[in-house]
Protein backbone atom coordinates (compact mmCIF):
# COMPACT_ATOMS: atom_id res chain seq x y z
CA MET A 1 -20.87 -31.21 -11.95
CA ALA A 2 -20.74 -33.80 -9.14
CA SER A 3 -22.21 -32.63 -5.82
CA LYS A 4 -19.68 -31.91 -3.00
CA ASP A 5 -19.83 -33.14 0.62
CA VAL A 6 -21.11 -30.59 2.97
CA SER A 7 -17.74 -30.79 4.72
CA GLU A 8 -15.98 -29.13 1.84
CA PRO A 9 -13.72 -26.31 3.02
CA ASP A 10 -14.75 -22.89 2.86
CA ILE A 11 -13.29 -20.51 0.35
CA VAL A 12 -12.86 -17.93 3.13
CA SER A 13 -10.35 -20.33 4.69
CA THR A 14 -7.95 -19.76 1.74
CA ALA A 15 -8.70 -16.03 0.99
CA LEU A 16 -7.74 -12.76 2.52
CA ALA A 17 -10.50 -10.52 3.78
CA ARG A 18 -11.71 -8.43 0.80
CA ASN A 19 -12.87 -4.79 0.52
CA ARG A 20 -11.63 -3.90 4.02
CA LEU A 21 -9.17 -1.13 3.49
CA GLY A 22 -9.63 2.29 1.85
CA VAL A 23 -6.83 4.60 0.72
CA PRO A 24 -6.37 6.12 4.35
CA SER A 25 -6.07 2.91 5.83
CA VAL A 26 -3.56 1.49 3.25
CA VAL A 27 -1.60 4.93 3.71
CA PHE A 28 -1.43 4.36 7.44
CA PHE A 29 0.17 0.88 6.97
CA GLY A 30 2.85 2.33 4.48
CA VAL A 31 3.71 5.52 6.51
CA ALA A 32 3.63 3.46 9.80
CA GLY A 33 6.14 1.12 8.26
CA ALA A 34 8.48 4.02 7.67
CA ALA A 35 7.85 5.16 11.30
CA PRO A 36 8.45 9.15 10.71
CA LEU A 37 8.87 9.92 14.42
CA THR A 38 11.44 7.03 14.88
CA VAL A 39 13.17 8.27 11.83
CA VAL A 40 13.19 11.88 13.15
CA ILE A 41 14.45 11.08 16.50
CA GLY A 42 16.80 8.27 15.71
CA ALA A 43 17.83 8.17 12.07
CA ILE A 44 18.24 11.96 11.24
CA THR A 45 20.21 12.50 14.32
CA THR A 46 22.40 9.48 13.63
CA ILE A 47 23.13 10.85 10.09
CA TYR A 48 24.07 14.21 11.25
CA ALA A 49 26.36 12.83 13.96
CA VAL A 50 28.06 9.94 12.05
CA VAL A 51 28.40 11.47 8.50
CA GLY A 52 28.99 15.03 9.82
CA ASN A 53 27.44 16.68 6.84
CA THR A 54 24.64 19.22 6.91
CA ALA A 55 22.85 18.05 3.56
CA VAL A 56 20.57 15.79 5.58
CA PRO A 57 17.27 17.67 4.71
CA VAL A 58 17.81 17.91 1.02
CA VAL A 59 19.10 14.16 0.90
CA TYR A 60 15.73 13.13 2.31
CA LEU A 61 13.84 15.10 -0.31
CA VAL A 62 16.11 13.70 -3.05
CA VAL A 63 15.52 10.17 -1.78
CA ALA A 64 11.81 10.90 -1.58
CA GLY A 65 12.03 11.98 -5.26
CA ILE A 66 13.83 8.84 -6.24
CA LEU A 67 11.40 6.57 -4.67
CA SER A 68 8.61 8.63 -6.07
CA ILE A 69 10.01 7.83 -9.44
CA PHE A 70 10.35 4.15 -8.51
CA THR A 71 6.66 4.20 -7.43
CA VAL A 72 5.38 5.49 -10.71
CA GLY A 73 6.04 2.13 -12.48
CA PHE A 74 5.57 0.08 -9.26
CA VAL A 75 2.03 1.10 -8.78
CA ALA A 76 1.38 1.06 -12.60
CA MET A 77 1.99 -2.66 -12.30
CA SER A 78 -0.20 -2.83 -9.31
CA ARG A 79 -3.22 -1.75 -11.47
CA HIS A 80 -2.58 -5.01 -13.63
CA ILE A 81 -1.62 -7.40 -10.86
CA VAL A 82 -3.60 -7.71 -7.65
CA ASN A 83 -1.41 -10.01 -5.31
CA SER A 84 -0.46 -10.02 -1.79
CA GLY A 85 2.89 -11.41 -2.88
CA ALA A 86 3.94 -7.88 -4.10
CA PHE A 87 7.51 -7.93 -5.17
CA TYR A 88 7.56 -11.73 -5.44
CA SER A 89 4.53 -11.43 -7.78
CA TYR A 90 5.70 -8.45 -9.77
CA ILE A 91 9.10 -9.92 -10.43
CA SER A 92 7.67 -13.32 -11.49
CA HIS A 93 5.54 -11.54 -14.02
CA GLY A 94 8.16 -9.27 -15.34
CA LEU A 95 11.44 -11.37 -15.05
CA GLY A 96 9.94 -14.84 -15.02
CA ARG A 97 8.84 -17.36 -12.35
CA ILE A 98 12.48 -18.53 -11.45
CA PRO A 99 13.64 -14.95 -10.57
CA GLY A 100 10.27 -14.46 -8.90
CA VAL A 101 10.69 -17.33 -6.40
CA GLY A 102 14.31 -16.27 -5.80
CA ALA A 103 12.96 -12.81 -4.93
CA ALA A 104 10.52 -14.40 -2.48
CA PHE A 105 13.22 -16.14 -0.73
CA VAL A 106 14.99 -12.71 -0.42
CA ALA A 107 11.84 -11.09 0.78
CA LEU A 108 11.05 -13.47 3.70
CA PRO A 109 14.12 -12.99 5.64
CA ALA A 110 14.44 -9.27 4.75
CA TYR A 111 10.93 -8.29 6.08
CA ALA A 112 11.30 -10.89 9.00
CA MET A 113 14.64 -9.11 10.03
CA MET A 114 13.09 -5.60 9.77
CA GLN A 115 10.12 -6.55 12.08
CA THR A 116 12.11 -8.58 14.53
CA GLY A 117 14.88 -5.91 14.89
CA LEU A 118 12.37 -3.30 15.90
CA PHE A 119 11.62 -5.30 18.99
CA GLY A 120 15.02 -4.31 20.25
CA LEU A 121 14.43 -0.60 19.75
CA PHE A 122 11.05 -0.87 21.39
CA GLY A 123 12.33 -2.61 24.30
CA VAL A 124 14.96 -0.25 25.02
CA VAL A 125 12.67 2.96 24.39
CA ALA A 126 9.83 1.42 26.52
CA SER A 127 12.24 0.58 29.36
CA GLY A 128 13.41 4.12 29.39
CA VAL A 129 9.96 5.44 29.44
CA LEU A 130 8.88 3.19 32.33
CA ASP A 131 12.08 4.16 34.09
CA GLY A 132 11.18 7.90 33.96
CA LEU A 133 7.69 6.98 35.54
CA GLY A 134 9.60 5.09 38.37
CA PHE A 135 9.19 1.59 37.11
CA GLN A 136 12.18 -0.67 36.63
CA VAL A 137 11.42 -2.97 33.71
CA GLY A 138 13.99 -4.60 31.50
CA TRP A 139 14.07 -4.17 27.72
CA PHE A 140 13.19 -8.00 27.24
CA GLU A 141 10.02 -7.65 29.23
CA CYS A 142 8.85 -4.71 27.26
CA ALA A 143 9.66 -6.19 23.93
CA LEU A 144 7.78 -9.36 25.09
CA THR A 145 4.66 -7.27 25.88
CA ALA A 146 4.81 -5.61 22.39
CA TRP A 147 5.34 -8.96 20.81
CA ALA A 148 2.09 -10.33 22.49
CA PHE A 149 0.05 -7.25 21.29
CA VAL A 150 1.38 -7.72 17.69
CA ALA A 151 0.85 -11.43 17.77
CA VAL A 152 -2.80 -11.00 18.85
CA LEU A 153 -3.62 -8.12 16.42
CA GLY A 154 -1.88 -9.97 13.52
CA MET A 155 -4.51 -12.76 13.87
CA LEU A 156 -7.57 -10.19 13.86
CA TRP A 157 -9.26 -8.14 11.19
CA VAL A 158 -6.82 -6.21 9.02
CA ASP A 159 -9.04 -3.21 9.29
CA LEU A 160 -8.73 -3.25 13.05
CA SER A 161 -4.92 -2.99 12.76
CA GLY A 162 -5.61 -0.20 10.25
CA LYS A 163 -7.52 1.66 12.97
CA VAL A 164 -4.91 1.21 15.59
CA LEU A 165 -2.23 2.43 13.04
CA ALA A 166 -4.57 5.44 12.19
CA VAL A 167 -4.74 6.59 15.92
CA LEU A 168 -1.05 6.06 16.47
CA LEU A 169 0.22 7.73 13.26
CA VAL A 170 -2.12 10.77 13.54
CA ALA A 171 -0.71 11.44 16.96
CA GLU A 172 2.88 10.83 15.77
CA ILE A 173 2.48 13.16 12.75
CA VAL A 174 0.97 15.95 15.02
CA ILE A 175 3.80 15.70 17.51
CA VAL A 176 6.41 15.84 14.67
CA LEU A 177 4.84 18.96 13.24
CA VAL A 178 4.52 20.65 16.65
CA TYR A 179 8.27 19.95 17.43
CA ASP A 180 9.14 21.20 13.99
CA LEU A 181 7.17 24.41 14.50
CA VAL A 182 8.79 25.07 17.85
CA MET A 183 12.30 24.60 16.42
CA VAL A 184 11.69 26.86 13.51
CA ALA A 185 9.91 29.35 15.69
CA ASN A 186 13.18 29.52 17.99
CA PRO A 187 16.17 29.57 15.62
CA ALA A 188 19.46 29.25 17.38
CA ASP A 189 21.02 31.91 15.28
CA GLY A 190 18.12 34.52 15.90
CA SER A 191 16.91 34.06 12.23
CA VAL A 192 15.66 31.13 10.14
CA SER A 193 18.24 29.72 7.78
CA PHE A 194 17.51 27.71 4.72
CA ALA A 195 21.10 26.90 4.18
CA THR A 196 20.70 23.13 4.73
CA LEU A 197 18.12 22.98 1.97
CA SER A 198 20.62 24.15 -0.66
CA PRO A 199 20.69 21.88 -3.64
CA ALA A 200 24.40 22.46 -3.88
CA ARG A 201 24.96 20.42 -0.73
CA VAL A 202 24.07 17.26 -2.61
CA PHE A 203 27.30 17.30 -4.53
CA THR A 204 29.54 16.31 -1.69
CA PRO A 205 31.46 13.08 -1.27
CA GLU A 206 29.43 11.94 1.73
CA VAL A 207 26.02 12.12 0.00
CA ALA A 208 26.13 8.40 -1.22
CA ALA A 209 26.46 7.20 2.46
CA MET A 210 23.70 9.74 3.41
CA MET A 211 21.32 8.38 0.74
CA VAL A 212 21.99 4.77 1.98
CA LEU A 213 21.04 5.79 5.47
CA ALA A 214 18.15 7.92 4.50
CA ILE A 215 16.50 5.30 2.08
CA ALA A 216 16.29 3.10 5.18
CA GLY A 217 13.93 5.45 6.66
CA PHE A 218 11.48 4.95 3.99
CA VAL A 219 11.46 1.14 4.08
CA GLY A 220 7.96 0.07 4.69
CA PHE A 221 6.00 2.32 2.24
CA GLU A 222 6.11 -0.45 -0.40
CA ALA A 223 4.22 -2.75 2.05
CA THR A 224 0.94 -1.00 0.83
CA VAL A 225 0.97 -3.36 -2.18
CA VAL A 226 1.10 -6.31 0.17
CA LEU A 227 -2.57 -5.28 1.10
CA SER A 228 -3.91 -5.22 -2.49
CA GLU A 229 -6.26 -8.16 -2.08
CA GLU A 230 -7.73 -6.55 1.06
CA ALA A 231 -8.17 -3.16 -0.30
CA LYS A 232 -11.39 -1.58 -1.55
CA ASP A 233 -10.97 -0.98 -5.47
CA PRO A 234 -7.25 -2.17 -5.23
CA LYS A 235 -6.37 -0.99 -8.59
CA LYS A 236 -6.98 2.66 -7.54
CA THR A 237 -6.53 2.45 -3.83
CA ILE A 238 -3.01 0.92 -3.80
CA ALA A 239 -1.58 3.42 -6.48
CA ARG A 240 -3.02 6.38 -4.51
CA ALA A 241 -1.82 5.09 -1.11
CA THR A 242 1.68 4.16 -2.24
CA HIS A 243 2.29 7.61 -3.65
CA TRP A 244 0.99 9.26 -0.54
CA ALA A 245 3.10 7.08 1.73
CA VAL A 246 6.25 8.13 -0.05
CA ILE A 247 5.22 11.85 -0.22
CA LEU A 248 4.15 12.04 3.41
CA ALA A 249 7.30 10.19 4.79
CA GLY A 250 9.52 12.27 2.60
CA LEU A 251 8.06 15.63 3.49
CA LEU A 252 8.03 14.75 7.21
CA CYS A 253 11.60 13.64 7.23
CA GLY A 254 13.01 16.46 5.12
CA LEU A 255 11.03 19.10 6.95
CA SER A 256 12.15 17.69 10.36
CA ALA A 257 15.87 17.50 9.35
CA TRP A 258 15.60 21.03 8.33
CA ALA A 259 13.78 22.22 11.43
CA MET A 260 16.59 20.62 13.66
CA SER A 261 19.14 22.44 11.70
CA VAL A 262 17.29 25.68 12.43
CA GLY A 263 16.88 25.02 16.07
CA ALA A 264 20.38 24.09 16.62
CA GLY A 265 21.88 26.28 13.99
CA PRO A 266 23.35 25.12 10.70
CA GLY A 267 26.98 25.55 12.00
CA ASN A 268 26.13 23.52 15.11
CA ILE A 269 23.81 20.89 14.22
CA VAL A 270 26.52 18.26 13.87
CA ALA A 271 28.07 18.82 17.08
CA ALA A 272 24.86 18.89 18.78
CA ALA A 273 23.76 15.67 17.22
CA LYS A 274 27.03 13.90 18.41
CA ALA A 275 26.36 15.21 21.96
CA GLU A 276 22.68 14.72 22.30
CA GLN A 277 22.25 11.72 20.15
CA THR A 278 18.47 10.54 20.13
CA ASP A 279 17.66 13.26 22.81
CA LEU A 280 18.44 16.07 20.34
CA VAL A 281 14.86 16.96 19.28
CA PHE A 282 13.78 16.96 22.94
CA THR A 283 16.78 19.00 23.92
CA LEU A 284 15.97 21.60 21.27
CA VAL A 285 12.35 22.02 22.04
CA GLY A 286 12.50 21.31 25.77
CA PRO A 287 13.06 25.12 26.82
CA HIS A 288 10.01 26.20 24.74
CA VAL A 289 7.25 23.69 25.60
CA PRO A 290 5.61 22.19 28.79
CA GLU A 291 7.41 19.11 30.27
CA ALA A 292 4.31 17.14 29.62
CA LEU A 293 4.67 17.68 25.67
CA ILE A 294 8.10 16.26 26.10
CA ASN A 295 6.94 13.34 28.03
CA LEU A 296 4.25 12.74 25.38
CA GLY A 297 7.04 12.77 22.75
CA TYR A 298 8.74 10.05 24.46
CA VAL A 299 5.59 8.02 24.64
CA LEU A 300 4.71 8.42 20.94
CA PHE A 301 8.18 7.50 20.03
CA MET A 302 7.43 4.17 21.68
CA THR A 303 3.97 3.85 19.82
CA SER A 304 5.70 4.88 16.60
CA ILE A 305 7.92 1.76 16.97
CA PHE A 306 4.98 -0.31 17.76
CA ALA A 307 3.06 0.86 14.64
CA ALA A 308 6.10 -0.21 12.55
CA LEU A 309 6.17 -3.52 14.28
CA LEU A 310 2.51 -3.98 13.41
CA ALA A 311 2.98 -2.92 9.75
CA PHE A 312 5.88 -5.16 9.05
CA HIS A 313 4.24 -8.12 10.71
CA ALA A 314 1.32 -7.70 8.46
CA ALA A 315 3.66 -7.56 5.39
CA VAL A 316 5.75 -10.70 6.38
CA ALA A 317 2.56 -12.72 7.05
CA ARG A 318 0.95 -11.84 3.79
CA TYR A 319 4.07 -12.65 1.81
CA GLN A 320 4.04 -16.25 3.48
CA PHE A 321 0.35 -16.45 2.54
CA ALA A 322 0.91 -15.67 -1.09
CA LEU A 323 3.52 -18.34 -1.20
CA GLY A 324 1.49 -20.96 0.53
CA ARG A 325 -1.46 -20.26 -1.62
CA GLU A 326 0.50 -20.83 -4.73
CA GLY A 327 2.42 -23.88 -3.39
CA VAL A 328 5.85 -22.40 -3.13
CA LEU A 329 5.58 -22.92 0.46
CA PRO A 330 3.55 -25.74 2.04
CA ARG A 331 -0.08 -25.29 1.43
CA ALA A 332 -0.73 -24.75 5.22
CA TRP A 333 0.67 -21.22 4.79
CA GLY A 334 -2.18 -20.60 2.37
CA TYR A 335 -4.75 -20.64 4.96
CA THR A 336 -6.49 -17.56 6.51
CA HIS A 337 -8.69 -17.28 9.63
CA PRO A 338 -12.13 -18.16 8.74
CA ARG A 339 -13.60 -15.15 10.51
CA THR A 340 -11.03 -12.49 10.34
CA GLY A 341 -9.32 -13.32 7.06
CA ALA A 342 -5.96 -12.95 8.65
CA PRO A 343 -3.09 -15.23 7.29
CA MET A 344 -3.03 -17.65 10.24
CA VAL A 345 -0.01 -19.66 9.62
CA GLY A 346 2.08 -16.81 8.31
CA SER A 347 1.17 -14.65 11.26
CA LEU A 348 2.00 -17.48 13.71
CA THR A 349 5.25 -18.22 11.99
CA GLN A 350 6.49 -14.67 12.18
CA SER A 351 5.50 -14.43 16.01
CA LEU A 352 7.28 -17.63 16.72
CA LEU A 353 10.37 -16.60 14.78
CA ALA A 354 10.31 -13.30 16.63
CA ILE A 355 10.13 -14.69 20.09
CA GLY A 356 12.82 -17.17 19.31
CA VAL A 357 15.12 -14.45 18.34
CA LEU A 358 14.38 -12.26 21.41
CA VAL A 359 15.00 -15.26 23.64
CA VAL A 360 18.27 -15.96 22.25
CA TYR A 361 19.27 -12.16 22.50
CA ARG A 362 18.07 -12.31 26.18
CA ILE A 363 20.05 -15.35 26.91
CA THR A 364 23.31 -14.22 25.19
CA GLY A 365 23.07 -10.66 26.78
CA ALA A 366 23.75 -9.09 23.46
CA ASP A 367 23.13 -5.36 23.14
CA PRO A 368 19.48 -5.06 21.94
CA LEU A 369 20.05 -1.58 20.44
CA VAL A 370 23.14 -2.41 18.48
CA TYR A 371 23.04 -6.13 17.47
CA LEU A 372 19.31 -6.54 17.46
CA PHE A 373 17.89 -3.21 16.17
CA ALA A 374 20.59 -1.76 14.18
CA TRP A 375 22.01 -4.82 12.63
CA LEU A 376 18.82 -6.48 11.82
CA THR A 377 17.07 -3.41 10.36
CA VAL A 378 20.10 -2.44 8.36
CA VAL A 379 20.45 -5.89 6.87
CA GLY A 380 16.82 -6.27 6.25
CA GLY A 381 16.73 -2.88 4.55
CA LEU A 382 19.46 -4.19 2.33
CA GLY A 383 17.17 -6.94 1.30
CA VAL A 384 14.30 -4.64 0.69
CA LEU A 385 16.45 -2.38 -1.55
CA ILE A 386 17.42 -5.58 -3.47
CA LEU A 387 13.79 -6.23 -4.16
CA MET A 388 13.14 -2.64 -5.10
CA TRP A 389 16.06 -2.75 -7.60
CA SER A 390 14.75 -6.13 -9.18
CA ALA A 391 11.18 -4.77 -9.08
CA SER A 392 12.25 -1.81 -11.23
CA ALA A 393 13.87 -4.14 -13.82
CA ALA A 394 10.60 -6.28 -13.77
CA VAL A 395 8.38 -3.32 -14.47
CA ILE A 396 10.46 -2.40 -17.65
CA ALA A 397 10.26 -6.05 -18.87
CA PHE A 398 6.69 -6.53 -18.02
CA PHE A 399 5.58 -3.48 -20.13
CA VAL A 400 7.91 -4.36 -23.04
CA ARG A 401 6.10 -7.52 -23.27
CA HIS A 402 2.78 -5.86 -22.68
CA PRO A 403 2.84 -2.52 -24.52
CA HIS A 404 0.11 -0.12 -24.73
CA GLN A 405 -1.07 -0.88 -21.11
CA GLU A 406 0.17 2.33 -19.74
CA ASN A 407 1.74 5.71 -21.17
CA VAL A 408 5.34 6.04 -21.90
CA TRP A 409 6.14 7.70 -18.65
CA ARG A 410 4.73 4.97 -16.31
CA ALA A 411 5.82 2.09 -18.66
CA LYS A 412 9.22 3.10 -19.71
CA VAL A 413 10.84 6.45 -18.68
CA ALA A 414 10.13 6.39 -14.91
CA PRO A 415 11.04 2.59 -14.53
CA ILE A 416 14.26 3.08 -16.41
CA ILE A 417 15.26 6.19 -14.35
CA ALA A 418 14.33 4.44 -11.15
CA PHE A 419 16.50 1.22 -12.16
CA VAL A 420 19.59 3.31 -12.87
CA LEU A 421 19.38 5.44 -9.67
CA LEU A 422 18.50 2.29 -7.56
CA SER A 423 21.51 0.55 -9.10
CA ILE A 424 23.71 3.33 -7.88
CA ILE A 425 22.32 3.34 -4.34
CA LEU A 426 22.27 -0.59 -3.99
CA ALA A 427 26.06 -0.62 -5.20
CA ALA A 428 26.86 2.04 -2.62
CA THR A 429 24.99 0.14 0.13
CA VAL A 430 26.78 -3.08 -0.51
CA TYR A 431 30.16 -1.34 -0.71
CA GLY A 432 29.58 0.56 2.51
CA LEU A 433 27.70 -2.04 4.56
CA GLY A 434 30.46 -2.67 7.05
CA ASP A 435 30.58 0.94 7.82
CA LEU A 436 26.85 1.00 8.31
CA LEU A 437 27.34 -1.88 10.71
CA GLN A 438 30.29 -0.27 12.17
CA VAL A 439 32.50 -3.29 12.17
CA GLU A 440 36.20 -3.47 11.63
CA PRO A 441 37.60 -3.19 8.01
CA GLY A 442 38.51 -6.85 7.78
CA SER A 443 35.40 -8.21 9.27
CA MET A 444 33.56 -10.82 7.48
CA PHE A 445 30.41 -8.96 8.04
CA HIS A 446 31.25 -6.73 5.15
CA TRP A 447 30.52 -9.49 2.81
CA LEU A 448 28.48 -12.03 4.79
CA PHE A 449 24.99 -10.51 4.45
CA PRO A 450 25.13 -9.60 0.83
CA THR A 451 26.46 -13.21 0.14
CA GLY A 452 23.57 -14.61 2.50
CA TYR A 453 20.95 -12.91 0.21
CA ALA A 454 22.63 -14.31 -2.90
CA VAL A 455 22.59 -17.72 -1.37
CA PHE A 456 18.76 -17.33 -0.52
CA ALA A 457 18.14 -16.16 -4.08
CA VAL A 458 19.97 -19.17 -5.62
CA VAL A 459 18.07 -21.53 -3.25
CA GLY A 460 14.87 -19.96 -4.45
CA PHE A 461 15.98 -20.36 -8.17
CA ILE A 462 16.70 -24.07 -7.56
CA TRP A 463 13.36 -24.66 -5.80
CA ALA A 464 11.57 -23.05 -8.91
CA VAL A 465 13.46 -25.39 -11.25
CA VAL A 466 12.55 -28.30 -9.10
CA MET A 467 8.90 -27.28 -9.07
CA ARG A 468 9.01 -26.84 -12.91
CA ALA A 469 10.12 -30.43 -13.29
CA ALA A 470 8.05 -32.09 -10.48
CA ARG A 471 5.04 -30.02 -10.26
CA PRO A 472 4.28 -28.18 -13.42
CA GLU A 473 0.72 -27.08 -12.50
CA VAL A 474 2.14 -25.41 -9.31
CA TYR A 475 5.01 -23.82 -11.25
CA ALA A 476 2.53 -22.28 -13.83
CA ALA A 477 0.75 -20.70 -10.85
CA ILE A 478 3.84 -18.86 -9.51
CA GLY A 479 3.00 -15.21 -8.98
CA ARG A 480 -0.47 -15.41 -10.34
CA GLY A 481 -2.28 -15.31 -7.02
CA ALA A 482 -5.92 -14.58 -6.71
CA ASP A 483 -6.17 -13.39 -10.34
CA GLY A 484 -4.42 -16.35 -11.66
CA GLY A 485 -7.14 -18.73 -10.52
CA PHE A 486 -8.59 -18.19 -7.15
CA VAL A 487 -11.21 -16.01 -5.81
CA ALA A 488 -10.18 -12.41 -6.75
CA ASP A 489 -13.11 -12.00 -9.25
CA ALA A 490 -15.55 -14.33 -7.88
CA PRO A 491 -19.14 -13.00 -7.36
CA ARG A 492 -19.62 -11.41 -3.96
CA LEU A 493 -22.42 -12.84 -1.85
CA LYS A 494 -24.51 -11.60 0.89
CA GLY A 495 -22.39 -10.92 4.02
CA SER A 496 -18.76 -9.95 4.81
CA HIS A 497 -15.75 -11.97 5.04
CA THR A 498 -16.84 -12.79 8.58
CA GLU A 499 -19.62 -14.98 7.12
CA PRO A 500 -18.10 -18.16 5.62
CA ILE A 501 -18.75 -18.66 1.92
CA SER A 502 -18.33 -22.15 0.45
CA ALA A 503 -17.43 -23.24 -3.07
CA ARG A 504 -20.91 -24.51 -3.54
CA ALA A 505 -22.41 -21.22 -2.54
CA ILE A 506 -20.21 -19.25 -5.08
CA LEU A 507 -20.84 -21.65 -7.77
CA ALA A 508 -24.55 -21.41 -7.08
CA ALA A 509 -24.49 -17.72 -7.34
CA ALA A 510 -22.60 -17.97 -10.71
CA ARG A 511 -25.41 -20.13 -12.16
CA GLU A 512 -27.83 -17.13 -11.37
CA THR A 513 -25.91 -15.05 -13.80
CA PRO A 514 -26.04 -15.15 -17.54
CA GLY A 515 -24.28 -18.25 -18.66
CA GLY A 516 -23.81 -19.41 -15.29
CA ASN A 517 -24.46 -23.18 -16.23
CA ASP A 518 -21.60 -23.15 -18.56
CA MET A 519 -18.37 -22.96 -16.50
CA SER A 520 -16.38 -21.90 -19.72
CA SER A 521 -18.73 -19.17 -20.62
CA ALA A 522 -17.19 -15.71 -21.17
CA ALA A 523 -20.05 -14.23 -18.93
CA ASP A 524 -18.43 -16.18 -15.88
CA PRO A 525 -15.60 -14.81 -13.95
CA PRO A 526 -12.66 -16.60 -15.32
CA THR A 527 -11.58 -17.81 -11.89
CA LEU A 528 -14.64 -20.08 -11.29
CA ARG A 529 -13.18 -22.86 -13.36
CA ASP A 530 -10.52 -23.35 -10.70
CA LEU A 531 -13.01 -23.91 -8.09
CA ARG A 532 -14.08 -27.38 -9.40
CA GLU A 533 -11.63 -28.86 -6.96
CA PRO A 534 -11.78 -27.62 -3.34
CA PRO A 535 -8.64 -26.16 -1.75
CA PRO A 536 -6.04 -26.63 -0.44
CA GLY A 537 -4.88 -29.04 -3.22
CA PRO A 538 -2.96 -27.91 -6.10
CA PRO A 539 -4.82 -26.80 -9.25
CA SER A 540 -6.21 -29.80 -11.25
CA TRP A 541 -5.07 -28.46 -14.63
CA GLU A 542 -4.36 -31.43 -17.19
CA SER A 543 -1.62 -29.21 -18.49
CA PRO A 544 -0.03 -25.94 -17.56
CA PRO A 545 -2.14 -23.03 -18.42
CA PRO A 546 -0.96 -20.53 -21.11
CA GLU A 547 0.78 -17.44 -19.98
CA PRO A 548 -1.92 -14.79 -19.67
CA THR A 549 -2.03 -12.23 -22.42
CA ARG A 550 -4.69 -10.07 -20.99
CA TRP A 551 -4.45 -8.00 -17.79
CA PRO A 552 -7.34 -6.63 -15.89
């Protein structure tokens, strides 16, 4: 092999930080994205008030069950594909590269809108908290402060963000459980009622709309898979963390919705929700706890939103990184920070996009709670639901082509059930989107956003076809990520990701292993052959590699 110049780029500049996150840290990212305290204070109260049905607790538990079934096949696939591209990668492996790129073009705006929309809620809530302390600060200034912190943390070590989320999420869960205990200990009717947990309440006409609203409260749990390349033992860590994220979010939301019905009374909860709105929980627990605990709840409501902002920022940045690394986006998006391993360009892109949207809303004077938070998160949630539905189909197709990789439950039964159930929920969401956005019956917004996602997907299909014709080597690598020819299986050298590792150093280490002098030897990690050419240029295959037939 010809010697390389000492100025060759470091592998670390095109690889995420590895072995940074254990199961708890990944769970924190997943549950933080779901933002349980935000759901309890905002979403659950809204469903009670808007839908006017008391089946909210059982609906959350049913939705948690549906998503748990989806998670079975989803994480089974994660054991075979380790890629920060998550949905994009899974769909490209299951349904093909062209649908995979279409999914990527849906994922980017969906997650970007979810993250950006949360700045509106944070700004309003933080402004209210500061107002209570005697400081007059507008929502935009508060949102701008949160934006600055997220932008900085997004460029630092991912485990640092995990530690920040851990502190915020533990405090958030504790306050939710304390409030639940207080409401159950002080029932409005003098005795604890389990009426709102009755399964019979599911069989009502409003349940479809309630499931659509409830499932939005879980969006974010699937972002655990985006962290797969940075997790310790990803094939086990991601599976466990994703299951735990769904279970914790489901139990917290279901328990809290029931506790609220106990505190207000099953017959009065709808009226109380309409009257108190987001203050409902604080109104129910206020007479029974010190004022300091109420104030702490408002502060943690604010930090809950911040935790979700940080989690979604990480997801968006890593999607962009995966697409840049594989050449779907310009190669610059495939770079990571040489010390922290954070996806630099992806993180910066999302930060710039978010600040641009915030400035536009500030200039136009649009209501940040309605048109920034509510609209963008609902539309973003629709995009994530489309991705989950597509991913459930991809899981089925993947294990049909690669049988005997998992048992029947994981490979066939659970994915098929998930696909059917998600098809029903997706249809209900598209049909009732205008009602969720609270627009007039004839408004174009009933169909504009679903059509917009269809347009993004078609653009992705066309781009994939163009790549297949013009850049077949890039097309062949779509969705293959680190396992498909990068550094996922490269030998680990002394030092962490903060210590730059060059291509020459990895190749030198490979020569010390049996068969290391023969780059095609079976004793070498299969990805080393792709290090003959330094990044960031496209792989230098003479012809597209065959479709992999073995999965790690």
